[in-house]
Amino acid sequence: MSKKGSAVWQGSIKEGGGTISTETGVLNEAPYGFKSRFEGGKGTNPEELIAAAHAACFSMALSMMLGEAGATPDKLHTEAAVTLEKKGMALKSPPAI
């Protein structure tokens, strides 16, 4: 199985902005940027998407395990949190190709 997503970014890190899209179209040019990622501004951000993906994966896995035990859940509600911490690493330029 192969699934695709894409991101477009324009401009500088603080003043610029971008969009995120998925192959299925569920996300279609959803806005993201510095403010949505670090300052609580409108739009989505990579950490929010990772948290949602983890919650979805966990819910599906739990449903499978319950099903294997002969139970079918009426509803599963899973929340996940992703924390972004600065660890003193500096961004480095990618190696020349």
PDB file of N, CA and C in Angstrom:
ATOM      1  N   MET A   1       0.838  -1.161   0.000  1.00  0.00           N
ATOM      2  CA  MET A   1       0.000   0.000   0.000  1.00  0.00           C
ATOM      3  C   MET A   1       0.891   1.235   0.000  1.00  0.00           C
ATOM      4  N   SER A   2       0.532   2.213  -0.772  1.00  0.00           N
ATOM      5  CA  SER A   2       1.268   3.464  -0.819  1.00  0.00           C
ATOM      6  C   SER A   2       0.275   4.617  -0.804  1.00  0.00           C
ATOM      7  N   LYS A   3       0.455   5.529   0.115  1.00  0.00           N
ATOM      8  CA  LYS A   3      -0.406   6.713   0.216  1.00  0.00           C
ATOM      9  C   LYS A   3       0.461   7.940   0.069  1.00  0.00           C
ATOM     10  N   LYS A   4      -0.104   9.005  -0.469  1.00  0.00           N
ATOM     11  CA  LYS A   4       0.681  10.193  -0.736  1.00  0.00           C
ATOM     12  C   LYS A   4       0.093  11.429  -0.076  1.00  0.00           C
ATOM     13  N   GLY A   5       0.964  12.329   0.276  1.00  0.00           N
ATOM     14  CA  GLY A   5       0.604  13.647   0.756  1.00  0.00           C
ATOM     15  C   GLY A   5       1.601  14.626   0.184  1.00  0.00           C
ATOM     16  N   SER A   6       1.234  15.891   0.206  1.00  0.00           N
ATOM     17  CA  SER A   6       2.144  16.897  -0.319  1.00  0.00           C
ATOM     18  C   SER A   6       2.039  18.183   0.484  1.00  0.00           C
ATOM     19  N   ALA A   7       3.091  18.955   0.429  1.00  0.00           N
ATOM     20  CA  ALA A   7       3.121  20.259   1.086  1.00  0.00           C
ATOM     21  C   ALA A   7       3.777  21.257   0.148  1.00  0.00           C
ATOM     22  N   VAL A   8       3.255  22.467   0.167  1.00  0.00           N
ATOM     23  CA  VAL A   8       3.820  23.572  -0.602  1.00  0.00           C
ATOM     24  C   VAL A   8       4.138  24.679   0.389  1.00  0.00           C
ATOM     25  N   TRP A   9       5.312  25.270   0.258  1.00  0.00           N
ATOM     26  CA  TRP A   9       5.701  26.385   1.128  1.00  0.00           C
ATOM     27  C   TRP A   9       6.180  27.536   0.254  1.00  0.00           C
ATOM     28  N   GLN A  10       5.784  28.751   0.625  1.00  0.00           N
ATOM     29  CA  GLN A  10       6.238  29.935  -0.098  1.00  0.00           C
ATOM     30  C   GLN A  10       6.666  30.994   0.909  1.00  0.00           C
ATOM     31  N   GLY A  11       7.823  31.571   0.699  1.00  0.00           N
ATOM     32  CA  GLY A  11       8.266  32.678   1.531  1.00  0.00           C
ATOM     33  C   GLY A  11       9.175  32.268   2.663  1.00  0.00           C
ATOM     34  N   SER A  12       9.459  33.245   3.507  1.00  0.00           N
ATOM     35  CA  SER A  12      10.349  33.026   4.641  1.00  0.00           C
ATOM     36  C   SER A  12       9.643  32.219   5.723  1.00  0.00           C
ATOM     37  N   ILE A  13      10.387  31.751   6.696  1.00  0.00           N
ATOM     38  CA  ILE A  13       9.822  30.902   7.742  1.00  0.00           C
ATOM     39  C   ILE A  13       8.749  31.627   8.550  1.00  0.00           C
ATOM     40  N   LYS A  14       8.950  32.882   8.908  1.00  0.00           N
ATOM     41  CA  LYS A  14       7.983  33.577   9.749  1.00  0.00           C
ATOM     42  C   LYS A  14       6.873  34.267   8.963  1.00  0.00           C
ATOM     43  N   GLU A  15       7.190  34.831   7.819  1.00  0.00           N
ATOM     44  CA  GLU A  15       6.172  35.547   7.056  1.00  0.00           C
ATOM     45  C   GLU A  15       5.521  34.684   5.974  1.00  0.00           C
ATOM     46  N   GLY A  16       6.161  33.585   5.631  1.00  0.00           N
ATOM     47  CA  GLY A  16       5.648  32.730   4.576  1.00  0.00           C
ATOM     48  C   GLY A  16       4.496  31.860   5.043  1.00  0.00           C
ATOM     49  N   GLY A  17       4.043  31.025   4.153  1.00  0.00           N
ATOM     50  CA  GLY A  17       2.956  30.113   4.472  1.00  0.00           C
ATOM     51  C   GLY A  17       2.905  28.985   3.477  1.00  0.00           C
ATOM     52  N   GLY A  18       2.106  27.991   3.812  1.00  0.00           N
ATOM     53  CA  GLY A  18       2.025  26.844   2.931  1.00  0.00           C
ATOM     54  C   GLY A  18       0.681  26.162   2.999  1.00  0.00           C
ATOM     55  N   THR A  19       0.569  25.119   2.215  1.00  0.00           N
ATOM     56  CA  THR A  19      -0.635  24.290   2.209  1.00  0.00           C
ATOM     57  C   THR A  19      -0.237  22.825   2.239  1.00  0.00           C
ATOM     58  N   ILE A  20      -1.105  22.027   2.844  1.00  0.00           N
ATOM     59  CA  ILE A  20      -0.910  20.579   2.933  1.00  0.00           C
ATOM     60  C   ILE A  20      -2.103  19.911   2.255  1.00  0.00           C
ATOM     61  N   SER A  21      -1.821  18.900   1.429  1.00  0.00           N
ATOM     62  CA  SER A  21      -2.879  18.173   0.734  1.00  0.00           C
ATOM     63  C   SER A  21      -2.630  16.675   0.830  1.00  0.00           C
ATOM     64  N   THR A  22      -3.698  15.909   0.719  1.00  0.00           N
ATOM     65  CA  THR A  22      -3.580  14.452   0.702  1.00  0.00           C
ATOM     66  C   THR A  22      -4.118  13.906  -0.610  1.00  0.00           C
ATOM     67  N   GLU A  23      -3.641  12.741  -0.956  1.00  0.00           N
ATOM     68  CA  GLU A  23      -4.042  12.079  -2.198  1.00  0.00           C
ATOM     69  C   GLU A  23      -5.557  11.905  -2.292  1.00  0.00           C
ATOM     70  N   THR A  24      -6.197  11.605  -1.163  1.00  0.00           N
ATOM     71  CA  THR A  24      -7.641  11.378  -1.165  1.00  0.00           C
ATOM     72  C   THR A  24      -8.440  12.667  -1.266  1.00  0.00           C
ATOM     73  N   GLY A  25      -7.800  13.800  -1.001  1.00  0.00           N
ATOM     74  CA  GLY A  25      -8.495  15.073  -1.031  1.00  0.00           C
ATOM     75  C   GLY A  25      -9.126  15.461   0.290  1.00  0.00           C
ATOM     76  N   VAL A  26      -8.977  14.611   1.310  1.00  0.00           N
ATOM     77  CA  VAL A  26      -9.515  14.946   2.627  1.00  0.00           C
ATOM     78  C   VAL A  26      -8.902  16.257   3.109  1.00  0.00           C
ATOM     79  N   LEU A  27      -7.601  16.393   2.912  1.00  0.00           N
ATOM     80  CA  LEU A  27      -6.943  17.687   3.097  1.00  0.00           C
ATOM     81  C   LEU A  27      -6.639  18.203   1.704  1.00  0.00           C
ATOM     82  N   ASN A  28      -7.175  19.357   1.380  1.00  0.00           N
ATOM     83  CA  ASN A  28      -6.957  19.921   0.062  1.00  0.00           C
ATOM     84  C   ASN A  28      -6.490  21.357   0.240  1.00  0.00           C
ATOM     85  N   GLU A  29      -5.189  21.536   0.174  1.00  0.00           N
ATOM     86  CA  GLU A  29      -4.574  22.833   0.359  1.00  0.00           C
ATOM     87  C   GLU A  29      -4.945  23.461   1.705  1.00  0.00           C
ATOM     88  N   ALA A  30      -4.906  22.642   2.771  1.00  0.00           N
ATOM     89  CA  ALA A  30      -5.142  23.137   4.130  1.00  0.00           C
ATOM     90  C   ALA A  30      -3.968  24.034   4.519  1.00  0.00           C
ATOM     91  N   PRO A  31      -4.239  25.235   5.000  1.00  0.00           N
ATOM     92  CA  PRO A  31      -3.151  26.159   5.304  1.00  0.00           C
ATOM     93  C   PRO A  31      -2.369  25.768   6.547  1.00  0.00           C
ATOM     94  N   TYR A  32      -1.074  26.058   6.512  1.00  0.00           N
ATOM     95  CA  TYR A  32      -0.212  25.908   7.686  1.00  0.00           C
ATOM     96  C   TYR A  32       0.891  26.942   7.608  1.00  0.00           C
ATOM     97  N   GLY A  33       1.480  27.248   8.738  1.00  0.00           N
ATOM     98  CA  GLY A  33       2.546  28.225   8.738  1.00  0.00           C
ATOM     99  C   GLY A  33       3.160  28.359  10.116  1.00  0.00           C
ATOM    100  N   PHE A  34       4.061  29.292  10.241  1.00  0.00           N
ATOM    101  CA  PHE A  34       4.769  29.516  11.503  1.00  0.00           C
ATOM    102  C   PHE A  34       3.786  29.814  12.628  1.00  0.00           C
ATOM    103  N   LYS A  35       2.827  30.689  12.371  1.00  0.00           N
ATOM    104  CA  LYS A  35       1.885  31.076  13.421  1.00  0.00           C
ATOM    105  C   LYS A  35       1.019  29.901  13.868  1.00  0.00           C
ATOM    106  N   SER A  36       0.561  29.062  12.932  1.00  0.00           N
ATOM    107  CA  SER A  36      -0.258  27.910  13.330  1.00  0.00           C
ATOM    108  C   SER A  36       0.569  26.851  14.033  1.00  0.00           C
ATOM    109  N   ARG A  37       1.849  26.835  13.773  1.00  0.00           N
ATOM    110  CA  ARG A  37       2.713  25.827  14.385  1.00  0.00           C
ATOM    111  C   ARG A  37       3.251  26.257  15.741  1.00  0.00           C
ATOM    112  N   PHE A  38       3.623  27.524  15.872  1.00  0.00           N
ATOM    113  CA  PHE A  38       4.305  27.960  17.083  1.00  0.00           C
ATOM    114  C   PHE A  38       3.570  29.015  17.909  1.00  0.00           C
ATOM    115  N   GLU A  39       2.546  29.643  17.330  1.00  0.00           N
ATOM    116  CA  GLU A  39       1.906  30.744  18.025  1.00  0.00           C
ATOM    117  C   GLU A  39       0.397  30.610  18.168  1.00  0.00           C
ATOM    118  N   GLY A  40      -0.161  29.458  17.885  1.00  0.00           N
ATOM    119  CA  GLY A  40      -1.595  29.251  18.044  1.00  0.00           C
ATOM    120  C   GLY A  40      -2.450  29.911  16.979  1.00  0.00           C
ATOM    121  N   GLY A  41      -1.861  30.263  15.842  1.00  0.00           N
ATOM    122  CA  GLY A  41      -2.619  30.887  14.762  1.00  0.00           C
ATOM    123  C   GLY A  41      -3.504  29.892  14.030  1.00  0.00           C
ATOM    124  N   LYS A  42      -4.313  30.403  13.102  1.00  0.00           N
ATOM    125  CA  LYS A  42      -5.228  29.565  12.322  1.00  0.00           C
ATOM    126  C   LYS A  42      -4.458  28.663  11.370  1.00  0.00           C
ATOM    127  N   GLY A  43      -5.032  27.505  11.106  1.00  0.00           N
ATOM    128  CA  GLY A  43      -4.418  26.543  10.203  1.00  0.00           C
ATOM    129  C   GLY A  43      -3.967  25.313  10.971  1.00  0.00           C
ATOM    130  N   THR A  44      -3.404  24.376  10.258  1.00  0.00           N
ATOM    131  CA  THR A  44      -2.936  23.140  10.875  1.00  0.00           C
ATOM    132  C   THR A  44      -1.418  23.200  11.014  1.00  0.00           C
ATOM    133  N   ASN A  45      -0.839  22.107  11.474  1.00  0.00           N
ATOM    134  CA  ASN A  45       0.608  22.016  11.600  1.00  0.00           C
ATOM    135  C   ASN A  45       1.008  20.549  11.617  1.00  0.00           C
ATOM    136  N   PRO A  46       2.271  20.251  11.333  1.00  0.00           N
ATOM    137  CA  PRO A  46       2.702  18.852  11.264  1.00  0.00           C
ATOM    138  C   PRO A  46       2.449  18.062  12.551  1.00  0.00           C
ATOM    139  N   GLU A  47       2.662  18.690  13.708  1.00  0.00           N
ATOM    140  CA  GLU A  47       2.475  17.971  14.972  1.00  0.00           C
ATOM    141  C   GLU A  47       1.022  17.567  15.180  1.00  0.00           C
ATOM    142  N   GLU A  48       0.093  18.441  14.835  1.00  0.00           N
ATOM    143  CA  GLU A  48      -1.331  18.134  14.951  1.00  0.00           C
ATOM    144  C   GLU A  48      -1.702  16.954  14.049  1.00  0.00           C
ATOM    145  N   LEU A  49      -1.152  16.942  12.845  1.00  0.00           N
ATOM    146  CA  LEU A  49      -1.436  15.848  11.915  1.00  0.00           C
ATOM    147  C   LEU A  49      -0.845  14.534  12.400  1.00  0.00           C
ATOM    148  N   ILE A  50       0.352  14.584  12.983  1.00  0.00           N
ATOM    149  CA  ILE A  50       0.964  13.368  13.538  1.00  0.00           C
ATOM    150  C   ILE A  50       0.132  12.854  14.708  1.00  0.00           C
ATOM    151  N   ALA A  51      -0.325  13.751  15.578  1.00  0.00           N
ATOM    152  CA  ALA A  51      -1.155  13.341  16.718  1.00  0.00           C
ATOM    153  C   ALA A  51      -2.446  12.687  16.239  1.00  0.00           C
ATOM    154  N   ALA A  52      -3.090  13.268  15.246  1.00  0.00           N
ATOM    155  CA  ALA A  52      -4.325  12.693  14.714  1.00  0.00           C
ATOM    156  C   ALA A  52      -4.072  11.317  14.101  1.00  0.00           C
ATOM    157  N   ALA A  53      -2.957  11.171  13.399  1.00  0.00           N
ATOM    158  CA  ALA A  53      -2.620   9.880  12.794  1.00  0.00           C
ATOM    159  C   ALA A  53      -2.372   8.819  13.857  1.00  0.00           C
ATOM    160  N   HIS A  54      -1.675   9.172  14.920  1.00  0.00           N
ATOM    161  CA  HIS A  54      -1.432   8.224  16.015  1.00  0.00           C
ATOM    162  C   HIS A  54      -2.744   7.815  16.680  1.00  0.00           C
ATOM    163  N   ALA A  55      -3.622   8.773  16.930  1.00  0.00           N
ATOM    164  CA  ALA A  55      -4.909   8.467  17.554  1.00  0.00           C
ATOM    165  C   ALA A  55      -5.732   7.541  16.665  1.00  0.00           C
ATOM    166  N   ALA A  56      -5.750   7.812  15.372  1.00  0.00           N
ATOM    167  CA  ALA A  56      -6.507   6.977  14.431  1.00  0.00           C
ATOM    168  C   ALA A  56      -5.955   5.559  14.382  1.00  0.00           C
ATOM    169  N   CYS A  57      -4.634   5.430  14.326  1.00  0.00           N
ATOM    170  CA  CYS A  57      -3.992   4.118  14.273  1.00  0.00           C
ATOM    171  C   CYS A  57      -4.284   3.321  15.540  1.00  0.00           C
ATOM    172  N   PHE A  58      -4.178   3.976  16.696  1.00  0.00           N
ATOM    173  CA  PHE A  58      -4.448   3.302  17.958  1.00  0.00           C
ATOM    174  C   PHE A  58      -5.897   2.822  18.023  1.00  0.00           C
ATOM    175  N   SER A  59      -6.847   3.684  17.631  1.00  0.00           N
ATOM    176  CA  SER A  59      -8.266   3.303  17.659  1.00  0.00           C
ATOM    177  C   SER A  59      -8.540   2.090  16.775  1.00  0.00           C
ATOM    178  N   MET A  60      -7.952   2.087  15.581  1.00  0.00           N
ATOM    179  CA  MET A  60      -8.148   0.954  14.682  1.00  0.00           C
ATOM    180  C   MET A  60      -7.541  -0.324  15.253  1.00  0.00           C
ATOM    181  N   ALA A  61      -6.338  -0.226  15.822  1.00  0.00           N
ATOM    182  CA  ALA A  61      -5.680  -1.403  16.400  1.00  0.00           C
ATOM    183  C   ALA A  61      -6.474  -1.936  17.591  1.00  0.00           C
ATOM    184  N   LEU A  62      -6.978  -1.043  18.439  1.00  0.00           N
ATOM    185  CA  LEU A  62      -7.780  -1.479  19.579  1.00  0.00           C
ATOM    186  C   LEU A  62      -9.072  -2.140  19.117  1.00  0.00           C
ATOM    187  N   SER A  63      -9.707  -1.574  18.100  1.00  0.00           N
ATOM    188  CA  SER A  63     -10.922  -2.180  17.552  1.00  0.00           C
ATOM    189  C   SER A  63     -10.652  -3.594  17.032  1.00  0.00           C
ATOM    190  N   MET A  64      -9.502  -3.766  16.358  1.00  0.00           N
ATOM    191  CA  MET A  64      -9.130  -5.084  15.853  1.00  0.00           C
ATOM    192  C   MET A  64      -8.939  -6.075  17.000  1.00  0.00           C
ATOM    193  N   MET A  65      -8.231  -5.616  18.036  1.00  0.00           N
ATOM    194  CA  MET A  65      -7.965  -6.512  19.168  1.00  0.00           C
ATOM    195  C   MET A  65      -9.265  -6.878  19.900  1.00  0.00           C
ATOM    196  N   LEU A  66     -10.155  -5.927  20.059  1.00  0.00           N
ATOM    197  CA  LEU A  66     -11.448  -6.220  20.683  1.00  0.00           C
ATOM    198  C   LEU A  66     -12.246  -7.198  19.827  1.00  0.00           C
ATOM    199  N   GLY A  67     -12.202  -6.994  18.515  1.00  0.00           N
ATOM    200  CA  GLY A  67     -12.895  -7.899  17.599  1.00  0.00           C
ATOM    201  C   GLY A  67     -12.359  -9.322  17.681  1.00  0.00           C
ATOM    202  N   GLU A  68     -11.044  -9.462  17.786  1.00  0.00           N
ATOM    203  CA  GLU A  68     -10.437 -10.777  17.926  1.00  0.00           C
ATOM    204  C   GLU A  68     -10.846 -11.446  19.232  1.00  0.00           C
ATOM    205  N   ALA A  69     -11.206 -10.635  20.240  1.00  0.00           N
ATOM    206  CA  ALA A  69     -11.653 -11.170  21.533  1.00  0.00           C
ATOM    207  C   ALA A  69     -13.171 -11.347  21.564  1.00  0.00           C
ATOM    208  N   GLY A  70     -13.838 -11.090  20.422  1.00  0.00           N
ATOM    209  CA  GLY A  70     -15.273 -11.303  20.334  1.00  0.00           C
ATOM    210  C   GLY A  70     -16.131 -10.111  20.721  1.00  0.00           C
ATOM    211  N   ALA A  71     -15.536  -8.945  20.857  1.00  0.00           N
ATOM    212  CA  ALA A  71     -16.284  -7.746  21.222  1.00  0.00           C
ATOM    213  C   ALA A  71     -16.217  -6.723  20.091  1.00  0.00           C
ATOM    214  N   THR A  72     -17.294  -5.975  19.935  1.00  0.00           N
ATOM    215  CA  THR A  72     -17.333  -4.900  18.955  1.00  0.00           C
ATOM    216  C   THR A  72     -17.650  -3.601  19.681  1.00  0.00           C
ATOM    217  N   PRO A  73     -16.748  -2.650  19.648  1.00  0.00           N
ATOM    218  CA  PRO A  73     -17.007  -1.399  20.366  1.00  0.00           C
ATOM    219  C   PRO A  73     -18.078  -0.569  19.664  1.00  0.00           C
ATOM    220  N   ASP A  74     -18.910   0.105  20.452  1.00  0.00           N
ATOM    221  CA  ASP A  74     -19.871   1.045  19.878  1.00  0.00           C
ATOM    222  C   ASP A  74     -19.139   2.290  19.399  1.00  0.00           C
ATOM    223  N   LYS A  75     -18.164   2.714  20.192  1.00  0.00           N
ATOM    224  CA  LYS A  75     -17.426   3.921  19.851  1.00  0.00           C
ATOM    225  C   LYS A  75     -16.093   3.920  20.603  1.00  0.00           C
ATOM    226  N   LEU A  76     -15.054   4.300  19.915  1.00  0.00           N
ATOM    227  CA  LEU A  76     -13.755   4.511  20.537  1.00  0.00           C
ATOM    228  C   LEU A  76     -13.376   5.963  20.310  1.00  0.00           C
ATOM    229  N   HIS A  77     -12.949   6.635  21.350  1.00  0.00           N
ATOM    230  CA  HIS A  77     -12.494   8.023  21.236  1.00  0.00           C
ATOM    231  C   HIS A  77     -11.072   8.066  21.778  1.00  0.00           C
ATOM    232  N   THR A  78     -10.132   8.380  20.925  1.00  0.00           N
ATOM    233  CA  THR A  78      -8.726   8.390  21.310  1.00  0.00           C
ATOM    234  C   THR A  78      -8.163   9.784  21.100  1.00  0.00           C
ATOM    235  N   GLU A  79      -7.430  10.265  22.075  1.00  0.00           N
ATOM    236  CA  GLU A  79      -6.734  11.534  21.945  1.00  0.00           C
ATOM    237  C   GLU A  79      -5.236  11.277  22.062  1.00  0.00           C
ATOM    238  N   ALA A  80      -4.480  11.974  21.258  1.00  0.00           N
ATOM    239  CA  ALA A  80      -3.023  11.874  21.308  1.00  0.00           C
ATOM    240  C   ALA A  80      -2.453  13.284  21.311  1.00  0.00           C
ATOM    241  N   ALA A  81      -1.320  13.438  21.942  1.00  0.00           N
ATOM    242  CA  ALA A  81      -0.650  14.732  21.982  1.00  0.00           C
ATOM    243  C   ALA A  81       0.772  14.585  21.480  1.00  0.00           C
ATOM    244  N   VAL A  82       1.202  15.542  20.709  1.00  0.00           N
ATOM    245  CA  VAL A  82       2.579  15.605  20.245  1.00  0.00           C
ATOM    246  C   VAL A  82       3.178  16.880  20.819  1.00  0.00           C
ATOM    247  N   THR A  83       4.309  16.734  21.470  1.00  0.00           N
ATOM    248  CA  THR A  83       4.976  17.885  22.084  1.00  0.00           C
ATOM    249  C   THR A  83       6.226  18.231  21.301  1.00  0.00           C
ATOM    250  N   LEU A  84       6.360  19.485  21.001  1.00  0.00           N
ATOM    251  CA  LEU A  84       7.524  19.985  20.296  1.00  0.00           C
ATOM    252  C   LEU A  84       8.415  20.676  21.304  1.00  0.00           C
ATOM    253  N   GLU A  85       9.648  20.176  21.444  1.00  0.00           N
ATOM    254  CA  GLU A  85      10.588  20.753  22.402  1.00  0.00           C
ATOM    255  C   GLU A  85      11.875  21.147  21.702  1.00  0.00           C
ATOM    256  N   LYS A  86      12.427  22.256  22.118  1.00  0.00           N
ATOM    257  CA  LYS A  86      13.716  22.665  21.598  1.00  0.00           C
ATOM    258  C   LYS A  86      14.803  21.958  22.400  1.00  0.00           C
ATOM    259  N   LYS A  87      15.679  21.257  21.719  1.00  0.00           N
ATOM    260  CA  LYS A  87      16.747  20.501  22.379  1.00  0.00           C
ATOM    261  C   LYS A  87      18.123  21.061  22.059  1.00  0.00           C
ATOM    262  N   GLY A  88      18.183  22.287  21.578  1.00  0.00           N
ATOM    263  CA  GLY A  88      19.472  22.897  21.314  1.00  0.00           C
ATOM    264  C   GLY A  88      20.088  22.538  19.981  1.00  0.00           C
ATOM    265  N   MET A  89      19.351  21.858  19.137  1.00  0.00           N
ATOM    266  CA  MET A  89      19.888  21.498  17.833  1.00  0.00           C
ATOM    267  C   MET A  89      19.699  22.661  16.871  1.00  0.00           C
ATOM    268  N   ALA A  90      20.680  22.909  16.082  1.00  0.00           N
ATOM    269  CA  ALA A  90      20.574  23.933  15.050  1.00  0.00           C
ATOM    270  C   ALA A  90      20.242  23.255  13.729  1.00  0.00           C
ATOM    271  N   LEU A  91      19.464  23.928  12.908  1.00  0.00           N
ATOM    272  CA  LEU A  91      19.186  23.399  11.583  1.00  0.00           C
ATOM    273  C   LEU A  91      20.459  23.446  10.763  1.00  0.00           C
ATOM    274  N   LYS A  92      20.733  22.374  10.073  1.00  0.00           N
ATOM    275  CA  LYS A  92      21.928  22.307   9.242  1.00  0.00           C
ATOM    276  C   LYS A  92      21.511  22.237   7.787  1.00  0.00           C
ATOM    277  N   SER A  93      22.336  22.766   6.946  1.00  0.00           N
ATOM    278  CA  SER A  93      22.078  22.690   5.521  1.00  0.00           C
ATOM    279  C   SER A  93      22.237  21.247   5.056  1.00  0.00           C
ATOM    280  N   PRO A  94      21.388  20.819   4.127  1.00  0.00           N
ATOM    281  CA  PRO A  94      21.548  19.451   3.612  1.00  0.00           C
ATOM    282  C   PRO A  94      22.848  19.331   2.849  1.00  0.00           C
ATOM    283  N   PRO A  95      23.401  18.135   2.770  1.00  0.00           N
ATOM    284  CA  PRO A  95      24.655  17.941   2.041  1.00  0.00           C
ATOM    285  C   PRO A  95      24.464  18.230   0.556  1.00  0.00           C
ATOM    286  N   ALA A  96      25.495  18.724  -0.075  1.00  0.00           N
ATOM    287  CA  ALA A  96      25.447  18.997  -1.521  1.00  0.00           C
ATOM    288  C   ALA A  96      25.374  17.685  -2.280  1.00  0.00           C
ATOM    289  N   ILE A  97      24.600  17.686  -3.309  1.00  0.00           N
ATOM    290  CA  ILE A  97      24.450  16.467  -4.123  1.00  0.00           C
ATOM    291  C   ILE A  97      25.237  16.605  -5.392  1.00  0.00           C
TER     292      ILE A  97
END
